[in-house]
Protein backbone atom coordinates (compact mmCIF):
# COMPACT_ATOMS: atom_id res chain seq x y z
CA UNK A 1 -0.05 0.26 -0.40
CA UNK A 2 1.00 3.77 -0.42
CA UNK A 3 -0.03 6.92 1.09
CA UNK A 4 0.02 10.30 -0.87
CA UNK A 5 -1.16 13.95 -0.64
CA UNK A 6 -4.29 15.17 -2.60
CA UNK A 7 -5.80 18.03 -3.69
CA UNK A 8 -9.61 18.74 -5.49
CA UNK A 9 -8.86 22.85 -5.33
CA UNK A 10 -7.01 25.21 -3.40
CA UNK A 11 -9.14 24.28 -0.08
CA UNK A 12 -9.84 20.93 -0.47
CA UNK A 13 -6.55 18.70 0.96
CA UNK A 14 -6.54 15.14 2.09
CA UNK A 15 -4.69 11.96 2.64
CA UNK A 16 -4.79 9.38 -0.15
CA UNK A 17 -3.90 5.39 -0.20
CA UNK A 18 -3.63 3.25 -2.66
CA UNK A 19 -4.12 -0.35 -2.42
CA UNK A 20 -4.96 -2.85 -5.23
CA UNK A 21 -8.46 -2.45 -5.29
CA UNK A 22 -8.04 1.52 -6.24
CA UNK A 23 -7.38 4.99 -4.78
CA UNK A 24 -9.30 5.73 -1.32
CA UNK A 25 -9.87 8.88 0.94
CA UNK A 26 -7.59 7.79 3.86
CA UNK A 27 -8.54 11.06 5.87
CA UNK A 28 -11.99 10.15 5.48
CA UNK A 29 -11.61 5.82 6.45
CA UNK A 30 -9.84 7.71 9.47
CA UNK A 31 -12.39 9.75 10.51
CA UNK A 32 -15.33 7.12 10.05
CA UNK A 33 -12.90 4.51 12.00
CA UNK A 34 -12.72 6.91 14.52
CA UNK A 35 -17.08 7.69 15.18
CA UNK A 36 -17.29 4.16 15.29
CA UNK A 37 -14.93 3.70 17.27
CA UNK A 38 -16.48 6.53 19.61
CA UNK A 39 -13.20 7.87 20.37
CA UNK A 40 -13.28 10.61 22.91
CA UNK A 41 -10.10 12.56 21.78
CA UNK A 42 -10.09 12.66 18.28
CA UNK A 43 -7.35 13.46 15.68
CA UNK A 44 -7.84 14.44 12.29
CA UNK A 45 -5.43 14.95 9.45
CA UNK A 46 -5.26 16.53 5.68
CA UNK A 47 -1.48 16.39 5.55
CA UNK A 48 0.88 13.38 5.60
CA UNK A 49 3.24 15.33 7.60
CA UNK A 50 0.05 15.49 10.47
CA UNK A 51 -0.32 11.36 9.89
CA UNK A 52 3.05 10.80 10.39
CA UNK A 53 3.32 12.99 14.13
CA UNK A 54 0.52 11.38 15.37
CA UNK A 55 2.11 7.87 14.66
CA UNK A 56 -0.31 6.63 12.28
CA UNK A 57 2.01 5.01 9.82
CA UNK A 58 2.50 1.71 9.61
CA UNK A 59 1.44 -1.24 7.54
CA UNK A 60 -0.09 -2.57 10.85
CA UNK A 61 -1.80 -0.02 11.71
CA UNK A 62 -3.42 1.04 8.59
CA UNK A 63 -4.22 -2.51 7.99
CA UNK A 64 -6.29 -2.22 11.15
CA UNK A 65 -8.04 0.87 10.23
CA UNK A 66 -8.75 -0.61 6.58
CA UNK A 67 -10.42 -3.82 8.11
CA UNK A 68 -12.73 -2.57 10.40
CA UNK A 69 -15.74 -3.30 9.82
CA UNK A 70 -17.70 0.11 9.76
CA UNK A 71 -14.61 0.94 7.11
CA UNK A 72 -15.34 -1.74 4.67
CA UNK A 73 -18.97 -1.07 4.77
CA UNK A 74 -18.20 2.41 3.04
CA UNK A 75 -14.96 1.75 1.38
CA UNK A 76 -16.56 2.05 -2.36
CA UNK A 77 -18.29 5.71 -1.19
CA UNK A 78 -14.34 6.82 -0.94
CA UNK A 79 -12.93 5.93 -3.63
CA UNK A 80 -11.27 8.77 -5.12
CA UNK A 81 -12.31 10.06 -8.52
CA UNK A 82 -9.70 10.51 -11.08
CA UNK A 83 -9.16 14.40 -11.67
CA UNK A 84 -7.21 14.93 -7.93
CA UNK A 85 -3.90 16.44 -7.94
CA UNK A 86 -1.11 14.70 -6.42
CA UNK A 87 0.32 16.95 -3.17
CA UNK A 88 3.94 16.65 -2.16
CA UNK A 89 4.41 13.79 0.45
CA UNK A 90 5.33 15.96 2.83
CA UNK A 91 4.87 19.95 2.13
CA UNK A 92 6.87 21.49 5.21
CA UNK A 93 9.44 19.42 6.61
CA UNK A 94 11.92 21.34 9.39
CA UNK A 95 14.42 20.39 7.00
CA UNK A 96 15.91 18.35 4.05
CA UNK A 97 19.28 16.63 4.15
CA UNK A 98 20.53 15.72 1.33
CA UNK A 99 23.79 13.13 1.00
CA UNK A 100 26.64 13.83 -1.72
CA UNK A 101 28.98 11.56 -3.03
CA UNK A 102 27.05 8.30 -1.99
CA UNK A 103 27.52 6.76 -4.92
CA UNK A 104 31.19 5.60 -6.19
CA UNK A 105 30.41 5.65 -10.03
CA UNK A 106 28.60 9.13 -9.35
CA UNK A 107 31.91 10.31 -7.81
CA UNK A 108 34.22 9.07 -10.36
CA UNK A 109 31.70 10.46 -12.87
CA UNK A 110 32.36 14.18 -11.35
CA UNK A 111 36.10 13.13 -10.28
CA UNK A 112 35.20 14.22 -6.98
CA UNK A 113 37.47 12.89 -3.89
CA UNK A 114 35.75 9.56 -1.94
CA UNK A 115 34.31 10.78 1.78
CA UNK A 116 35.50 9.10 4.84
CA UNK A 117 31.80 9.76 6.14
CA UNK A 118 28.47 10.69 4.40
CA UNK A 119 29.11 14.66 3.15
CA UNK A 120 25.75 15.95 3.36
CA UNK A 121 24.13 19.11 2.78
CA UNK A 122 20.75 21.17 2.78
CA UNK A 123 18.27 22.00 -0.13
CA UNK A 124 15.51 24.23 1.19
CA UNK A 125 12.05 23.39 1.95
CA UNK A 126 10.50 26.37 -0.61
CA UNK A 127 12.12 23.89 -3.44
CA UNK A 128 9.63 21.13 -3.37
CA UNK A 129 7.28 20.31 -5.92
CA UNK A 130 4.59 17.26 -6.24
CA UNK A 131 4.27 14.62 -8.84
CA UNK A 132 3.34 15.89 -11.95
CA UNK A 133 4.24 19.67 -11.47
CA UNK A 134 7.02 21.79 -13.71
CA UNK A 135 10.18 22.18 -12.90
CA UNK A 136 11.24 25.60 -13.62
CA UNK A 137 14.64 27.30 -14.75
CA UNK A 138 14.42 30.91 -13.79
CA UNK A 139 15.26 33.20 -16.81
CA UNK A 140 18.26 34.73 -15.31
CA UNK A 141 19.64 30.87 -15.02
CA UNK A 142 21.42 30.45 -19.02
CA UNK A 143 23.91 27.48 -17.48
CA UNK A 144 23.66 23.78 -17.00
CA UNK A 145 20.58 22.25 -14.95
CA UNK A 146 20.94 18.06 -14.01
CA UNK A 147 19.13 15.54 -12.64
CA UNK A 148 19.60 13.71 -9.63
CA UNK A 149 17.66 10.89 -9.15
CA UNK A 150 17.38 9.67 -5.39
CA UNK A 151 15.94 7.14 -2.44
CA UNK A 152 14.48 9.84 0.13
CA UNK A 153 13.98 8.53 3.50
CA UNK A 154 11.20 10.30 5.53
CA UNK A 155 12.03 10.32 9.04
CA UNK A 156 8.76 9.08 11.44
CA UNK A 157 9.91 9.88 15.43
CA UNK A 158 12.57 12.48 16.56
CA UNK A 159 15.89 11.38 16.41
CA UNK A 160 18.71 12.39 18.21
CA UNK A 161 22.36 10.30 18.64
CA UNK A 162 21.02 7.13 17.33
CA UNK A 163 23.17 4.30 16.81
CA UNK A 164 23.74 2.86 13.93
CA UNK A 165 21.91 -0.70 14.96
CA UNK A 166 18.95 1.47 16.16
CA UNK A 167 18.61 4.20 13.41
CA UNK A 168 16.08 1.96 11.22
CA UNK A 169 13.67 2.42 14.43
CA UNK A 170 13.39 6.19 13.41
CA UNK A 171 12.41 6.00 9.71
CA UNK A 172 8.74 6.59 9.38
CA UNK A 173 8.71 5.39 5.42
CA UNK A 174 10.42 6.51 1.76
CA UNK A 175 9.64 8.33 -1.32
CA UNK A 176 11.28 9.30 -4.56
CA UNK A 177 13.21 12.28 -4.94
CA UNK A 178 14.97 14.80 -7.65
CA UNK A 179 17.93 16.62 -6.07
CA UNK A 180 17.94 19.35 -9.43
CA UNK A 181 20.62 21.21 -9.27
CA UNK A 182 22.08 24.43 -10.97
CA UNK A 183 25.52 22.17 -12.06
CA UNK A 184 27.76 25.37 -13.14
CA UNK A 185 26.44 27.55 -9.94
CA UNK A 186 27.24 24.89 -8.00
CA UNK A 187 31.03 24.08 -9.47
CA UNK A 188 31.44 28.23 -8.58
CA UNK A 189 30.90 28.02 -5.30
CA UNK A 190 33.03 25.08 -4.90
CA UNK A 191 36.32 26.51 -6.58
CA UNK A 192 35.59 29.56 -4.42
CA UNK A 193 34.97 27.57 -1.13
CA UNK A 194 31.54 28.91 -1.16
CA UNK A 195 28.77 26.49 0.26
CA UNK A 196 26.50 25.07 -2.94
CA UNK A 197 23.30 25.51 -1.43
CA UNK A 198 22.31 28.07 -3.98
CA UNK A 199 22.60 25.91 -6.13
CA UNK A 200 20.49 23.14 -4.99
CA UNK A 201 17.82 24.56 -3.12
CA UNK A 202 15.84 27.02 -6.50
CA UNK A 203 12.47 26.95 -6.55
CA UNK A 204 10.89 24.02 -8.10
CA UNK A 205 14.42 21.64 -7.86
CA UNK A 206 13.17 19.02 -5.55
CA UNK A 207 10.37 17.35 -7.24
CA UNK A 208 9.45 14.49 -4.78
CA UNK A 209 6.51 11.73 -4.50
CA UNK A 210 4.02 10.96 -5.91
CA UNK A 211 3.56 8.05 -2.66
CA UNK A 212 4.73 7.98 0.54
CA UNK A 213 5.59 4.42 1.22
CA UNK A 214 5.63 3.21 4.91
CA UNK A 215 9.01 1.52 6.15
CA UNK A 216 7.22 -1.53 6.88
CA UNK A 217 6.11 -2.43 2.90
CA UNK A 218 10.03 -2.11 1.97
CA UNK A 219 11.63 -5.12 3.59
CA UNK A 220 15.56 -3.94 2.15
CA UNK A 221 15.78 -0.34 1.35
CA UNK A 222 19.61 -1.30 0.25
CA UNK A 223 17.87 -3.24 -2.79
CA UNK A 224 15.80 -1.20 -4.60
CA UNK A 225 15.80 -0.29 -8.34
CA UNK A 226 16.15 3.09 -9.42
CA UNK A 227 15.96 4.41 -12.93
CA UNK A 228 15.54 7.63 -14.28
CA UNK A 229 14.58 8.40 -18.06
CA UNK A 230 14.27 12.06 -19.97
CA UNK A 231 12.14 11.85 -22.91
CA UNK A 232 11.89 8.74 -22.55
CA UNK A 233 15.39 7.14 -22.56
CA UNK A 234 17.55 5.96 -19.64
CA UNK A 235 19.66 8.11 -17.95
CA UNK A 236 20.63 6.81 -14.54
CA UNK A 237 20.12 3.21 -13.29
CA UNK A 238 21.44 1.82 -10.75
CA UNK A 239 20.23 0.01 -7.28
CA UNK A 240 20.83 1.35 -3.80
CA UNK A 241 22.91 -1.62 -2.72
CA UNK A 242 25.80 0.47 -4.21
CA UNK A 243 25.79 3.36 -1.72
CA UNK A 244 28.72 3.89 -0.37
CA UNK A 245 27.08 4.89 3.14
CA UNK A 246 23.66 2.88 3.74
CA UNK A 247 21.12 4.31 5.53
CA UNK A 248 21.60 3.55 8.93
CA UNK A 249 25.31 5.31 8.81
CA UNK A 250 23.52 8.04 7.01
CA UNK A 251 20.78 8.65 10.07
CA UNK A 252 23.24 7.86 12.99
CA UNK A 253 25.71 10.70 11.68
CA UNK A 254 23.03 13.61 10.98
CA UNK A 255 21.25 12.84 14.11
CA UNK A 256 24.72 13.21 16.10
CA UNK A 257 25.07 17.02 14.56
CA UNK A 258 20.97 18.12 14.88
CA UNK A 259 17.75 16.56 15.71
CA UNK A 260 15.75 14.93 13.02
CA UNK A 261 12.13 15.32 13.54
CA UNK A 262 8.68 13.78 12.05
CA UNK A 263 8.98 13.99 8.45
CA UNK A 264 12.45 15.14 7.58
CA UNK A 265 13.37 14.01 4.55
CA UNK A 266 17.07 12.67 3.99
CA UNK A 267 17.88 12.24 0.06
CA UNK A 268 19.99 9.78 0.21
CA UNK A 269 22.49 10.44 -3.10
CA UNK A 270 22.26 9.69 -6.74
CA UNK A 271 23.88 6.96 -9.05
CA UNK A 272 26.42 7.74 -11.54
CA UNK A 273 24.50 8.94 -14.94
CA UNK A 274 23.23 12.73 -14.20
CA UNK A 275 23.24 14.59 -17.14
CA UNK A 276 21.54 18.48 -18.42
CA UNK A 277 17.97 18.77 -18.77
CA UNK A 278 16.31 21.45 -21.16
CA UNK A 279 13.08 23.18 -21.73
CA UNK A 280 9.95 20.61 -22.40
CA UNK A 281 12.26 17.85 -20.82
CA UNK A 282 10.17 14.67 -19.10
CA UNK A 283 12.08 13.24 -16.53
CA UNK A 284 10.44 10.14 -14.93
CA UNK A 285 11.87 8.42 -12.00
CA UNK A 286 10.78 4.52 -10.92
CA UNK A 287 12.46 3.38 -7.82
CA UNK A 288 10.99 -0.39 -7.48
CA UNK A 289 8.06 -0.33 -4.96
CA UNK A 290 7.93 3.49 -4.89
CA UNK A 291 6.12 4.26 -7.87
CA UNK A 292 7.39 6.72 -10.68
CA UNK A 293 7.82 10.57 -10.13
CA UNK A 294 7.28 12.44 -13.06
CA UNK A 295 7.71 16.05 -14.06
CA UNK A 296 8.14 18.14 -16.92
CA UNK A 297 11.14 21.20 -17.27
CA UNK A 298 9.59 24.54 -18.57
CA UNK A 299 12.28 27.69 -19.06
CA UNK A 300 10.31 31.18 -17.31
CA UNK A 301 9.79 33.39 -19.68
């Protein structure tokens, strides 16, 4: 099963769920479940991040809700019509932490040094866009812009100074992220000894989604195929098993420096094959068991 954010108009948000039977309104499903249980202190959510903060994100808990007879009796009335728009799974994380140089082949193609420990940086949450939204290259940016296909980890509960052994206990789930990068701008900053935050954080330079897949739906996140296509042509193809620093090491290292909160996003690095994108390109990233994230590139006029 996969969860997602949806929107019918500017004021109607919700959390959806996709099962083999179709797509349903999980926000309303949970309301029915609470009503049937006569819950005194009810919890309501229209956004996935709130659902995660409340701890309602595991497969076991969701299955329990879906299988209740009160919900089953009304499931067909809760089926989503196909004209909704996907939202960003996590629209307002406290931070987006991204890994650099976490696949050896990518390090080699950009001729960088191999890091001795996880190398991480930030992307601005304002750069987030959803599945089927446009990546907008600003009119002032006339240099190279690259795609970067990545597995993103969503934190499920507060996390500080955790060990590698316990790190996966703090994962809420997974999604797909495109770490769009103004490559020449990044190189310019690196050459001058400056941070490369601006090259990573331009508005719309962080497509993410379309789904949030609960942690217990993925048996081994270090065995997922990653593929990126531009206009149907494969540009990146690899597997998360090729990460230099696996997910537990990454979480443990980051949590040493800063507290991670529910909904925080960790982009785990991109494999080889990064290449320039241009106006009218359609970028599709597929990660096994997580779906396909699709965005078109436009140029700001």
